[in-house]
Amino acid sequence: MSFRNTATIFFVLILMGCTTSPPKSQSEPASEFEGDLQAVEQHSETSGASHGGVQVCDEPRPEVCASIYAPVCAMRDDGARVTRSNGCRACADQQVATFLTGACPKP
């Protein structure tokens, strides 16, 4: 076998290993980042279970939150009430257990 035939076969074998993967289904995120973004958006929309208007923070706590302005009044363990931009941001604080929709009233 000549060098040219060997090189051609080697080149063909390399190209065979460079196949493209089939397209991803609609339910799969296009990237890891997109999957994280979907999780953040889902947590921002559904953060906490409602108990008489009071939302309870879910575990595990979110590490990243979307920049959505939907103010909430978070109740901290020390009794303080603080306004956060959304439920996700409130629950990201380990000292917050519950929150109400809307900004905290001014003292």
C-alpha atoms as a PDB file:
ATOM      1  CA  MET A   1       0.000   0.000   0.000  1.00  0.00           C
ATOM      2  CA  SER A   2       1.391   3.378  -0.931  1.00  0.00           C
ATOM      3  CA  PHE A   3       1.778   6.391   1.347  1.00  0.00           C
ATOM      4  CA  ARG A   4      -0.967   8.191  -0.577  1.00  0.00           C
ATOM      5  CA  ASN A   5      -3.494   5.373  -0.023  1.00  0.00           C
ATOM      6  CA  THR A   6      -2.570   5.143   3.670  1.00  0.00           C
ATOM      7  CA  ALA A   7      -2.948   8.908   4.106  1.00  0.00           C
ATOM      8  CA  THR A   8      -6.335   8.861   2.345  1.00  0.00           C
ATOM      9  CA  ILE A   9      -7.645   6.040   4.552  1.00  0.00           C
ATOM     10  CA  PHE A  10      -6.351   7.805   7.673  1.00  0.00           C
ATOM     11  CA  PHE A  11      -8.032  11.066   6.598  1.00  0.00           C
ATOM     12  CA  VAL A  12     -11.350   9.279   5.929  1.00  0.00           C
ATOM     13  CA  LEU A  13     -11.236   7.596   9.353  1.00  0.00           C
ATOM     14  CA  ILE A  14     -10.634  10.959  11.027  1.00  0.00           C
ATOM     15  CA  LEU A  15     -13.575  12.518   9.176  1.00  0.00           C
ATOM     16  CA  MET A  16     -15.825   9.628  10.178  1.00  0.00           C
ATOM     17  CA  GLY A  17     -15.087  10.436  13.828  1.00  0.00           C
ATOM     18  CA  CYS A  18     -16.131  14.076  13.285  1.00  0.00           C
ATOM     19  CA  THR A  19     -19.817  13.452  12.776  1.00  0.00           C
ATOM     20  CA  THR A  20     -22.370  15.924  14.027  1.00  0.00           C
ATOM     21  CA  SER A  21     -24.786  14.978  16.761  1.00  0.00           C
ATOM     22  CA  PRO A  22     -28.505  14.924  16.000  1.00  0.00           C
ATOM     23  CA  PRO A  23     -30.405  18.137  16.786  1.00  0.00           C
ATOM     24  CA  LYS A  24     -31.558  18.501  20.389  1.00  0.00           C
ATOM     25  CA  SER A  25     -35.234  18.155  21.160  1.00  0.00           C
ATOM     26  CA  GLN A  26     -37.258  21.198  22.197  1.00  0.00           C
ATOM     27  CA  SER A  27     -37.316  20.028  25.823  1.00  0.00           C
ATOM     28  CA  GLU A  28     -33.512  20.024  26.077  1.00  0.00           C
ATOM     29  CA  PRO A  29     -31.760  23.351  26.642  1.00  0.00           C
ATOM     30  CA  ALA A  30     -29.377  24.382  23.864  1.00  0.00           C
ATOM     31  CA  SER A  31     -26.601  24.929  26.404  1.00  0.00           C
ATOM     32  CA  GLU A  32     -25.860  24.540  30.083  1.00  0.00           C
ATOM     33  CA  PHE A  33     -26.304  28.307  30.509  1.00  0.00           C
ATOM     34  CA  GLU A  34     -29.747  28.195  28.912  1.00  0.00           C
ATOM     35  CA  GLY A  35     -30.737  25.385  31.286  1.00  0.00           C
ATOM     36  CA  ASP A  36     -29.609  27.510  34.246  1.00  0.00           C
ATOM     37  CA  LEU A  37     -31.564  30.466  32.894  1.00  0.00           C
ATOM     38  CA  GLN A  38     -34.714  28.342  32.591  1.00  0.00           C
ATOM     39  CA  ALA A  39     -34.297  27.191  36.181  1.00  0.00           C
ATOM     40  CA  VAL A  40     -33.839  30.772  37.382  1.00  0.00           C
ATOM     41  CA  GLU A  41     -36.929  31.967  35.506  1.00  0.00           C
ATOM     42  CA  GLN A  42     -38.982  29.057  36.844  1.00  0.00           C
ATOM     43  CA  HIS A  43     -37.893  29.746  40.428  1.00  0.00           C
ATOM     44  CA  SER A  44     -38.598  33.466  40.013  1.00  0.00           C
ATOM     45  CA  GLU A  45     -42.131  32.712  38.840  1.00  0.00           C
ATOM     46  CA  THR A  46     -42.936  29.985  41.374  1.00  0.00           C
ATOM     47  CA  SER A  47     -40.808  30.924  44.376  1.00  0.00           C
ATOM     48  CA  GLY A  48     -42.419  29.663  47.535  1.00  0.00           C
ATOM     49  CA  ALA A  49     -45.664  28.004  48.469  1.00  0.00           C
ATOM     50  CA  SER A  50     -48.529  30.298  49.428  1.00  0.00           C
ATOM     51  CA  HIS A  51     -50.051  30.092  52.920  1.00  0.00           C
ATOM     52  CA  GLY A  52     -52.731  32.769  53.327  1.00  0.00           C
ATOM     53  CA  GLY A  53     -50.825  35.263  51.177  1.00  0.00           C
ATOM     54  CA  VAL A  54     -47.501  34.505  52.882  1.00  0.00           C
ATOM     55  CA  GLN A  55     -44.977  32.832  50.575  1.00  0.00           C
ATOM     56  CA  VAL A  56     -42.630  30.287  52.164  1.00  0.00           C
ATOM     57  CA  CYS A  57     -39.102  29.998  50.734  1.00  0.00           C
ATOM     58  CA  ASP A  58     -38.298  26.654  49.117  1.00  0.00           C
ATOM     59  CA  GLU A  59     -35.161  24.613  49.697  1.00  0.00           C
ATOM     60  CA  PRO A  60     -32.632  24.553  48.188  1.00  0.00           C
ATOM     61  CA  ARG A  61     -32.247  28.315  48.175  1.00  0.00           C
ATOM     62  CA  PRO A  62     -31.615  29.980  44.799  1.00  0.00           C
ATOM     63  CA  GLU A  63     -28.063  31.031  43.998  1.00  0.00           C
ATOM     64  CA  VAL A  64     -28.900  33.126  40.920  1.00  0.00           C
ATOM     65  CA  CYS A  65     -32.049  35.193  40.354  1.00  0.00           C
ATOM     66  CA  ALA A  66     -33.493  36.912  37.299  1.00  0.00           C
ATOM     67  CA  SER A  67     -33.632  40.707  37.290  1.00  0.00           C
ATOM     68  CA  ILE A  68     -37.407  40.915  37.448  1.00  0.00           C
ATOM     69  CA  TYR A  69     -38.906  43.785  39.443  1.00  0.00           C
ATOM     70  CA  ALA A  70     -41.844  42.447  41.400  1.00  0.00           C
ATOM     71  CA  PRO A  71     -41.223  43.784  44.938  1.00  0.00           C
ATOM     72  CA  VAL A  72     -41.872  41.638  47.977  1.00  0.00           C
ATOM     73  CA  CYS A  73     -41.715  42.254  51.717  1.00  0.00           C
ATOM     74  CA  ALA A  74     -39.340  39.675  53.211  1.00  0.00           C
ATOM     75  CA  MET A  75     -39.520  38.705  56.881  1.00  0.00           C
ATOM     76  CA  ARG A  76     -36.078  37.972  58.350  1.00  0.00           C
ATOM     77  CA  ASP A  77     -35.325  35.691  61.308  1.00  0.00           C
ATOM     78  CA  ASP A  78     -34.542  38.729  63.495  1.00  0.00           C
ATOM     79  CA  GLY A  79     -38.051  40.125  62.893  1.00  0.00           C
ATOM     80  CA  ALA A  80     -36.930  42.829  60.468  1.00  0.00           C
ATOM     81  CA  ARG A  81     -38.892  43.375  57.268  1.00  0.00           C
ATOM     82  CA  VAL A  82     -36.966  44.272  54.126  1.00  0.00           C
ATOM     83  CA  THR A  83     -38.144  44.988  50.597  1.00  0.00           C
ATOM     84  CA  ARG A  84     -36.520  42.836  47.914  1.00  0.00           C
ATOM     85  CA  SER A  85     -36.930  43.149  44.142  1.00  0.00           C
ATOM     86  CA  ASN A  86     -38.616  39.728  43.825  1.00  0.00           C
ATOM     87  CA  GLY A  87     -39.328  36.495  45.702  1.00  0.00           C
ATOM     88  CA  CYS A  88     -36.235  34.773  44.363  1.00  0.00           C
ATOM     89  CA  ARG A  89     -33.960  37.512  45.687  1.00  0.00           C
ATOM     90  CA  ALA A  90     -35.755  37.412  49.043  1.00  0.00           C
ATOM     91  CA  CYS A  91     -35.335  33.649  49.366  1.00  0.00           C
ATOM     92  CA  ALA A  92     -31.673  33.814  48.336  1.00  0.00           C
ATOM     93  CA  ASP A  93     -31.092  35.410  51.768  1.00  0.00           C
ATOM     94  CA  GLN A  94     -30.667  32.542  54.267  1.00  0.00           C
ATOM     95  CA  GLN A  95     -32.201  34.708  57.035  1.00  0.00           C
ATOM     96  CA  VAL A  96     -35.506  35.073  55.166  1.00  0.00           C
ATOM     97  CA  ALA A  97     -38.120  32.354  55.693  1.00  0.00           C
ATOM     98  CA  THR A  98     -41.250  34.021  54.259  1.00  0.00           C
ATOM     99  CA  PHE A  99     -42.344  37.005  52.195  1.00  0.00           C
ATOM    100  CA  LEU A 100     -45.476  38.858  51.108  1.00  0.00           C
ATOM    101  CA  THR A 101     -46.209  40.277  47.670  1.00  0.00           C
ATOM    102  CA  GLY A 102     -45.585  44.017  47.505  1.00  0.00           C
ATOM    103  CA  ALA A 103     -43.074  46.351  49.088  1.00  0.00           C
ATOM    104  CA  CYS A 104     -42.872  46.616  52.868  1.00  0.00           C
ATOM    105  CA  PRO A 105     -44.834  49.544  54.330  1.00  0.00           C
ATOM    106  CA  LYS A 106     -42.754  52.585  55.232  1.00  0.00           C
ATOM    107  CA  PRO A 107     -42.263  52.935  59.024  1.00  0.00           C
END
